[in-house]
């Protein structure tokens, strides 16, 4: 039985984060608490999709959460 591994590059992460800029995606993926990439290819780093999804669930704001002044 073959195990399927789902990966995300910076472009997929940008889309998953709601279309953030390349600069913002770089800032996010460079954070100390962001999952480590599983590989650094010529076209860039790649992450396990499951790791990114877990991180997003823990760190993204719900649309109903407004910052209090």
N, C-alpha and C. Protein backbone atom coordinates (compact mmCIF):
# COMPACT_ATOMS: atom_id res chain seq x y z
N UNK A 1 0.84 -1.18 0.00
CA UNK A 1 0.00 0.00 0.00
C UNK A 1 0.89 1.25 0.00
N UNK A 2 0.59 2.18 -0.87
CA UNK A 2 1.37 3.41 -0.99
C UNK A 2 0.77 4.50 -0.12
N UNK A 3 1.62 5.16 0.64
CA UNK A 3 1.17 6.27 1.47
C UNK A 3 1.25 7.56 0.64
N UNK A 4 0.16 8.30 0.60
CA UNK A 4 0.12 9.56 -0.14
C UNK A 4 0.58 10.68 0.79
N UNK A 5 1.53 11.47 0.33
CA UNK A 5 2.04 12.59 1.10
C UNK A 5 1.58 13.87 0.42
N UNK A 6 0.88 14.70 1.16
CA UNK A 6 0.39 15.96 0.61
C UNK A 6 1.33 17.09 1.05
N UNK A 7 1.81 17.84 0.06
CA UNK A 7 2.76 18.91 0.31
C UNK A 7 2.20 20.26 -0.14
N UNK A 8 2.72 21.33 0.46
CA UNK A 8 2.36 22.69 0.07
C UNK A 8 3.64 23.48 -0.12
N UNK A 9 3.65 24.26 -1.17
CA UNK A 9 4.72 25.24 -1.36
C UNK A 9 4.21 26.61 -0.95
N UNK A 10 5.04 27.62 -1.13
CA UNK A 10 4.66 28.98 -0.73
C UNK A 10 3.39 29.45 -1.45
N UNK A 11 3.24 29.11 -2.72
CA UNK A 11 2.06 29.53 -3.47
C UNK A 11 0.78 28.95 -2.86
N UNK A 12 0.80 27.67 -2.56
CA UNK A 12 -0.37 27.03 -1.97
C UNK A 12 -0.68 27.61 -0.58
N UNK A 13 0.37 27.93 0.17
CA UNK A 13 0.17 28.53 1.48
C UNK A 13 -0.46 29.91 1.33
N UNK A 14 0.02 30.68 0.36
CA UNK A 14 -0.56 32.01 0.10
C UNK A 14 -2.05 31.89 -0.19
N UNK A 15 -2.42 30.95 -1.03
CA UNK A 15 -3.83 30.76 -1.38
C UNK A 15 -4.62 30.34 -0.15
N UNK A 16 -4.09 29.39 0.59
CA UNK A 16 -4.79 28.87 1.78
C UNK A 16 -4.97 29.95 2.84
N UNK A 17 -4.07 30.92 2.89
CA UNK A 17 -4.16 32.02 3.84
C UNK A 17 -5.03 33.16 3.32
N UNK A 18 -5.75 32.92 2.25
CA UNK A 18 -6.67 33.93 1.74
C UNK A 18 -6.07 34.88 0.74
N UNK A 19 -5.02 34.46 0.07
CA UNK A 19 -4.43 35.29 -0.98
C UNK A 19 -3.51 36.37 -0.45
N UNK A 20 -2.77 36.08 0.62
CA UNK A 20 -1.82 37.07 1.14
C UNK A 20 -0.69 37.29 0.14
N UNK A 21 0.03 38.38 0.30
CA UNK A 21 1.14 38.69 -0.60
C UNK A 21 2.29 37.70 -0.41
N UNK A 22 3.20 37.67 -1.38
CA UNK A 22 4.38 36.81 -1.25
C UNK A 22 5.21 37.21 -0.04
N UNK A 23 5.32 38.52 0.19
CA UNK A 23 6.09 39.01 1.33
C UNK A 23 5.46 38.55 2.65
N UNK A 24 4.13 38.64 2.74
CA UNK A 24 3.45 38.22 3.97
C UNK A 24 3.59 36.71 4.17
N UNK A 25 3.47 35.93 3.10
CA UNK A 25 3.64 34.49 3.20
C UNK A 25 5.05 34.15 3.69
N UNK A 26 6.05 34.88 3.19
CA UNK A 26 7.43 34.66 3.64
C UNK A 26 7.56 34.98 5.12
N UNK A 27 6.94 36.09 5.56
CA UNK A 27 7.00 36.45 6.98
C UNK A 27 6.40 35.34 7.84
N UNK A 28 5.25 34.84 7.41
CA UNK A 28 4.55 33.80 8.18
C UNK A 28 5.37 32.51 8.22
N UNK A 29 5.87 32.08 7.06
CA UNK A 29 6.60 30.81 7.02
C UNK A 29 7.98 30.90 7.68
N UNK A 30 8.45 32.11 7.94
CA UNK A 30 9.73 32.32 8.62
C UNK A 30 9.60 32.40 10.14
N UNK A 31 8.37 32.43 10.62
CA UNK A 31 8.14 32.50 12.07
C UNK A 31 8.73 31.27 12.76
N UNK A 32 9.21 31.47 13.97
CA UNK A 32 9.79 30.36 14.74
C UNK A 32 8.76 29.28 15.04
N UNK A 33 7.49 29.68 15.15
CA UNK A 33 6.47 28.69 15.51
C UNK A 33 5.79 28.05 14.29
N UNK A 34 6.21 28.45 13.08
CA UNK A 34 5.66 27.83 11.87
C UNK A 34 6.36 26.48 11.66
N UNK A 35 5.63 25.49 11.17
CA UNK A 35 6.26 24.17 10.97
C UNK A 35 7.52 24.25 10.09
N UNK A 36 8.46 23.40 10.38
CA UNK A 36 9.68 23.33 9.57
C UNK A 36 9.35 22.70 8.21
N UNK A 37 9.98 23.20 7.15
CA UNK A 37 9.75 22.58 5.85
C UNK A 37 10.34 21.17 5.83
N UNK A 38 9.75 20.31 5.00
CA UNK A 38 10.28 18.95 4.89
C UNK A 38 11.35 18.85 3.83
N UNK A 39 11.43 19.86 2.96
CA UNK A 39 12.46 19.89 1.93
C UNK A 39 12.65 21.32 1.44
N UNK A 40 13.86 21.60 0.96
CA UNK A 40 14.17 22.89 0.35
C UNK A 40 14.64 22.61 -1.07
N UNK A 41 13.73 22.78 -2.00
CA UNK A 41 13.98 22.46 -3.40
C UNK A 41 14.48 23.69 -4.15
N UNK A 42 14.89 23.51 -5.39
CA UNK A 42 15.33 24.64 -6.21
C UNK A 42 14.23 25.69 -6.35
N UNK A 43 12.98 25.24 -6.37
CA UNK A 43 11.86 26.18 -6.51
C UNK A 43 11.37 26.70 -5.17
N UNK A 44 11.95 26.27 -4.09
CA UNK A 44 11.57 26.77 -2.77
C UNK A 44 11.29 25.66 -1.78
N UNK A 45 10.90 26.07 -0.60
CA UNK A 45 10.63 25.12 0.48
C UNK A 45 9.25 24.50 0.30
N UNK A 46 9.09 23.30 0.86
CA UNK A 46 7.80 22.63 0.86
C UNK A 46 7.52 22.12 2.26
N UNK A 47 6.24 22.15 2.62
CA UNK A 47 5.78 21.75 3.94
C UNK A 47 4.75 20.65 3.81
N UNK A 48 4.61 19.85 4.86
CA UNK A 48 3.53 18.88 4.90
C UNK A 48 2.22 19.64 5.08
N UNK A 49 1.25 19.36 4.24
CA UNK A 49 -0.04 20.04 4.31
C UNK A 49 -0.66 19.90 5.69
N UNK A 50 -0.60 18.72 6.27
CA UNK A 50 -1.19 18.50 7.60
C UNK A 50 -0.56 19.42 8.64
N UNK A 51 0.76 19.60 8.59
CA UNK A 51 1.44 20.49 9.54
C UNK A 51 0.96 21.93 9.39
N UNK A 52 0.84 22.38 8.14
CA UNK A 52 0.40 23.76 7.88
C UNK A 52 -1.04 23.95 8.34
N UNK A 53 -1.89 22.98 8.06
CA UNK A 53 -3.31 23.08 8.46
C UNK A 53 -3.44 23.13 9.98
N UNK A 54 -2.67 22.32 10.70
CA UNK A 54 -2.71 22.35 12.17
C UNK A 54 -2.26 23.71 12.68
N UNK A 55 -1.19 24.25 12.10
CA UNK A 55 -0.70 25.57 12.50
C UNK A 55 -1.74 26.64 12.24
N UNK A 56 -2.37 26.59 11.07
CA UNK A 56 -3.38 27.59 10.73
C UNK A 56 -4.57 27.52 11.69
N UNK A 57 -4.99 26.34 12.02
CA UNK A 57 -6.14 26.19 12.92
C UNK A 57 -5.82 26.80 14.28
N UNK A 58 -4.58 26.68 14.73
CA UNK A 58 -4.18 27.21 16.03
C UNK A 58 -3.92 28.72 16.01
N UNK A 59 -3.58 29.28 14.84
CA UNK A 59 -3.12 30.67 14.79
C UNK A 59 -4.02 31.64 14.04
N UNK A 60 -4.91 31.17 13.22
CA UNK A 60 -5.73 32.13 12.47
C UNK A 60 -6.87 32.62 13.33
N UNK A 61 -7.28 33.82 13.05
CA UNK A 61 -8.41 34.41 13.77
C UNK A 61 -9.70 34.03 13.09
N UNK A 62 -10.71 33.77 13.88
CA UNK A 62 -12.03 33.59 13.31
C UNK A 62 -12.51 34.95 12.86
N UNK A 63 -13.32 34.96 11.80
CA UNK A 63 -13.79 36.23 11.26
C UNK A 63 -14.58 37.03 12.29
N UNK A 64 -15.21 36.36 13.23
CA UNK A 64 -15.99 37.06 14.24
C UNK A 64 -15.17 37.67 15.36
N UNK A 65 -13.88 37.34 15.42
CA UNK A 65 -13.02 37.87 16.47
C UNK A 65 -12.45 39.21 16.05
N UNK A 66 -12.94 40.26 16.64
CA UNK A 66 -12.42 41.60 16.35
C UNK A 66 -11.47 41.99 17.48
N UNK A 67 -10.42 42.73 17.12
CA UNK A 67 -9.50 43.19 18.14
C UNK A 67 -10.18 44.25 18.99
N UNK A 68 -9.96 44.16 20.27
CA UNK A 68 -10.51 45.16 21.18
C UNK A 68 -9.48 46.27 21.35
N UNK A 69 -9.92 47.55 21.32
CA UNK A 69 -8.96 48.66 21.47
C UNK A 69 -8.35 48.71 22.85
